[in-house]
Amino acid sequence: MRRRKPARGITVVADYDVAADAKKRISLRNATTKYYRVKALSNGCFLLEPRVLVALDAIPARTRKMLDQSVKNLKDGVASPPIDLTPFLKE
């Protein structure tokens, strides 16, 4: 018998069944990251993309300074008055 070459592209690395708990949660085995972005597809599949936090050094110094100032202003109560968005609501 000849061995077939595996098709290039998507392959299954791990195959196992999980059951959702009462709150519809599942556990991922051997997860490499803590956070995932989930996309629910129309065919019933779920796509999980790992999310990695950015190192502080990767954010430019000017951006960090602006973020720090914004947080300080928020904590000090320096903010614009509330904006009325009711004209944009559909009736």
C-alpha atoms as a PDB file:
ATOM      1  CA  MET A   1       0.000   0.000   0.000  1.00  0.00           C
ATOM      2  CA  ARG A   2       1.143   3.481  -0.750  1.00  0.00           C
ATOM      3  CA  ARG A   3       1.149   6.113   1.954  1.00  0.00           C
ATOM      4  CA  ARG A   4      -0.656   9.285   1.073  1.00  0.00           C
ATOM      5  CA  LYS A   5       1.183  12.501   1.638  1.00  0.00           C
ATOM      6  CA  PRO A   6      -0.621  14.725   4.119  1.00  0.00           C
ATOM      7  CA  ALA A   7      -2.361  17.652   2.496  1.00  0.00           C
ATOM      8  CA  ARG A   8      -0.675  20.977   3.076  1.00  0.00           C
ATOM      9  CA  GLY A   9      -2.561  23.604   4.995  1.00  0.00           C
ATOM     10  CA  ILE A  10      -4.738  23.134   8.034  1.00  0.00           C
ATOM     11  CA  THR A  11      -4.011  20.135  10.190  1.00  0.00           C
ATOM     12  CA  VAL A  12      -5.474  18.955  13.467  1.00  0.00           C
ATOM     13  CA  VAL A  13      -2.947  19.157  16.296  1.00  0.00           C
ATOM     14  CA  ALA A  14      -5.242  18.184  19.162  1.00  0.00           C
ATOM     15  CA  ASP A  15      -8.672  16.640  19.066  1.00  0.00           C
ATOM     16  CA  TYR A  16     -10.764  16.359  22.220  1.00  0.00           C
ATOM     17  CA  ASP A  17     -14.299  16.894  23.459  1.00  0.00           C
ATOM     18  CA  VAL A  18     -15.285  19.420  26.108  1.00  0.00           C
ATOM     19  CA  ALA A  19     -18.563  20.075  27.872  1.00  0.00           C
ATOM     20  CA  ALA A  20     -19.737  23.551  28.825  1.00  0.00           C
ATOM     21  CA  ASP A  21     -20.583  24.109  32.476  1.00  0.00           C
ATOM     22  CA  ALA A  22     -23.801  25.716  33.762  1.00  0.00           C
ATOM     23  CA  LYS A  23     -22.494  29.184  32.810  1.00  0.00           C
ATOM     24  CA  LYS A  24     -21.590  27.955  29.292  1.00  0.00           C
ATOM     25  CA  ARG A  25     -17.830  28.076  29.940  1.00  0.00           C
ATOM     26  CA  ILE A  26     -15.199  25.662  28.682  1.00  0.00           C
ATOM     27  CA  SER A  27     -11.572  25.121  29.657  1.00  0.00           C
ATOM     28  CA  LEU A  28      -8.761  25.045  27.135  1.00  0.00           C
ATOM     29  CA  ARG A  29      -6.067  22.470  27.744  1.00  0.00           C
ATOM     30  CA  ASN A  30      -2.441  23.566  27.429  1.00  0.00           C
ATOM     31  CA  ALA A  31      -3.454  27.144  26.619  1.00  0.00           C
ATOM     32  CA  THR A  32      -0.431  29.216  25.669  1.00  0.00           C
ATOM     33  CA  THR A  33      -1.992  32.614  26.406  1.00  0.00           C
ATOM     34  CA  LYS A  34      -4.459  33.934  28.966  1.00  0.00           C
ATOM     35  CA  TYR A  35      -6.643  36.069  26.686  1.00  0.00           C
ATOM     36  CA  TYR A  36      -8.380  35.072  23.470  1.00  0.00           C
ATOM     37  CA  ARG A  37     -10.544  36.873  20.916  1.00  0.00           C
ATOM     38  CA  VAL A  38     -13.496  34.649  19.970  1.00  0.00           C
ATOM     39  CA  LYS A  39     -15.276  34.766  16.623  1.00  0.00           C
ATOM     40  CA  ALA A  40     -18.516  32.818  16.275  1.00  0.00           C
ATOM     41  CA  LEU A  41     -18.972  31.666  12.686  1.00  0.00           C
ATOM     42  CA  SER A  42     -22.257  31.037  10.919  1.00  0.00           C
ATOM     43  CA  ASN A  43     -21.470  27.329  10.489  1.00  0.00           C
ATOM     44  CA  GLY A  44     -21.311  26.809  14.270  1.00  0.00           C
ATOM     45  CA  CYS A  45     -17.514  26.925  14.553  1.00  0.00           C
ATOM     46  CA  PHE A  46     -15.668  29.161  16.968  1.00  0.00           C
ATOM     47  CA  LEU A  47     -12.312  30.700  16.110  1.00  0.00           C
ATOM     48  CA  LEU A  48     -10.050  31.654  19.022  1.00  0.00           C
ATOM     49  CA  GLU A  49      -7.218  34.105  18.372  1.00  0.00           C
ATOM     50  CA  PRO A  50      -4.645  34.568  21.148  1.00  0.00           C
ATOM     51  CA  ARG A  51      -4.271  38.092  22.509  1.00  0.00           C
ATOM     52  CA  VAL A  52      -0.924  39.180  23.919  1.00  0.00           C
ATOM     53  CA  LEU A  53      -0.447  42.316  26.005  1.00  0.00           C
ATOM     54  CA  VAL A  54       2.034  44.799  24.577  1.00  0.00           C
ATOM     55  CA  ALA A  55       5.248  45.475  26.444  1.00  0.00           C
ATOM     56  CA  LEU A  56       5.415  48.974  27.896  1.00  0.00           C
ATOM     57  CA  ASP A  57       8.576  49.714  25.900  1.00  0.00           C
ATOM     58  CA  ALA A  58       6.663  49.145  22.656  1.00  0.00           C
ATOM     59  CA  ILE A  59       4.422  52.173  23.335  1.00  0.00           C
ATOM     60  CA  PRO A  60       6.024  55.502  22.348  1.00  0.00           C
ATOM     61  CA  ALA A  61       6.986  57.840  25.215  1.00  0.00           C
ATOM     62  CA  ARG A  62       4.695  60.636  23.971  1.00  0.00           C
ATOM     63  CA  THR A  63       1.723  58.262  23.893  1.00  0.00           C
ATOM     64  CA  ARG A  64       2.475  57.007  27.429  1.00  0.00           C
ATOM     65  CA  LYS A  65       2.717  60.618  28.639  1.00  0.00           C
ATOM     66  CA  MET A  66      -0.649  61.441  27.054  1.00  0.00           C
ATOM     67  CA  LEU A  67      -2.265  58.350  28.605  1.00  0.00           C
ATOM     68  CA  ASP A  68      -0.855  59.208  32.038  1.00  0.00           C
ATOM     69  CA  GLN A  69      -2.193  62.765  31.754  1.00  0.00           C
ATOM     70  CA  SER A  70      -5.627  61.480  30.674  1.00  0.00           C
ATOM     71  CA  VAL A  71      -5.818  59.120  33.663  1.00  0.00           C
ATOM     72  CA  LYS A  72      -4.765  61.943  36.012  1.00  0.00           C
ATOM     73  CA  ASN A  73      -7.454  64.233  34.569  1.00  0.00           C
ATOM     74  CA  LEU A  74     -10.078  61.514  34.931  1.00  0.00           C
ATOM     75  CA  LYS A  75      -9.142  60.879  38.571  1.00  0.00           C
ATOM     76  CA  ASP A  76      -9.151  64.643  39.292  1.00  0.00           C
ATOM     77  CA  GLY A  77     -12.611  64.999  37.753  1.00  0.00           C
ATOM     78  CA  VAL A  78     -11.432  67.148  34.864  1.00  0.00           C
ATOM     79  CA  ALA A  79     -13.806  66.167  32.086  1.00  0.00           C
ATOM     80  CA  SER A  80     -16.220  67.703  29.604  1.00  0.00           C
ATOM     81  CA  PRO A  81     -19.913  67.881  30.487  1.00  0.00           C
ATOM     82  CA  PRO A  82     -22.053  64.904  29.426  1.00  0.00           C
ATOM     83  CA  ILE A  83     -23.014  64.853  25.753  1.00  0.00           C
ATOM     84  CA  ASP A  84     -26.707  64.432  24.889  1.00  0.00           C
ATOM     85  CA  LEU A  85     -26.935  61.713  22.210  1.00  0.00           C
ATOM     86  CA  THR A  86     -30.743  61.385  22.195  1.00  0.00           C
ATOM     87  CA  PRO A  87     -31.113  63.179  18.812  1.00  0.00           C
ATOM     88  CA  PHE A  88     -29.175  60.299  17.242  1.00  0.00           C
ATOM     89  CA  LEU A  89     -31.409  57.544  18.645  1.00  0.00           C
ATOM     90  CA  LYS A  90     -33.829  55.911  16.223  1.00  0.00           C
ATOM     91  CA  GLU A  91     -37.449  55.977  17.197  1.00  0.00           C
END
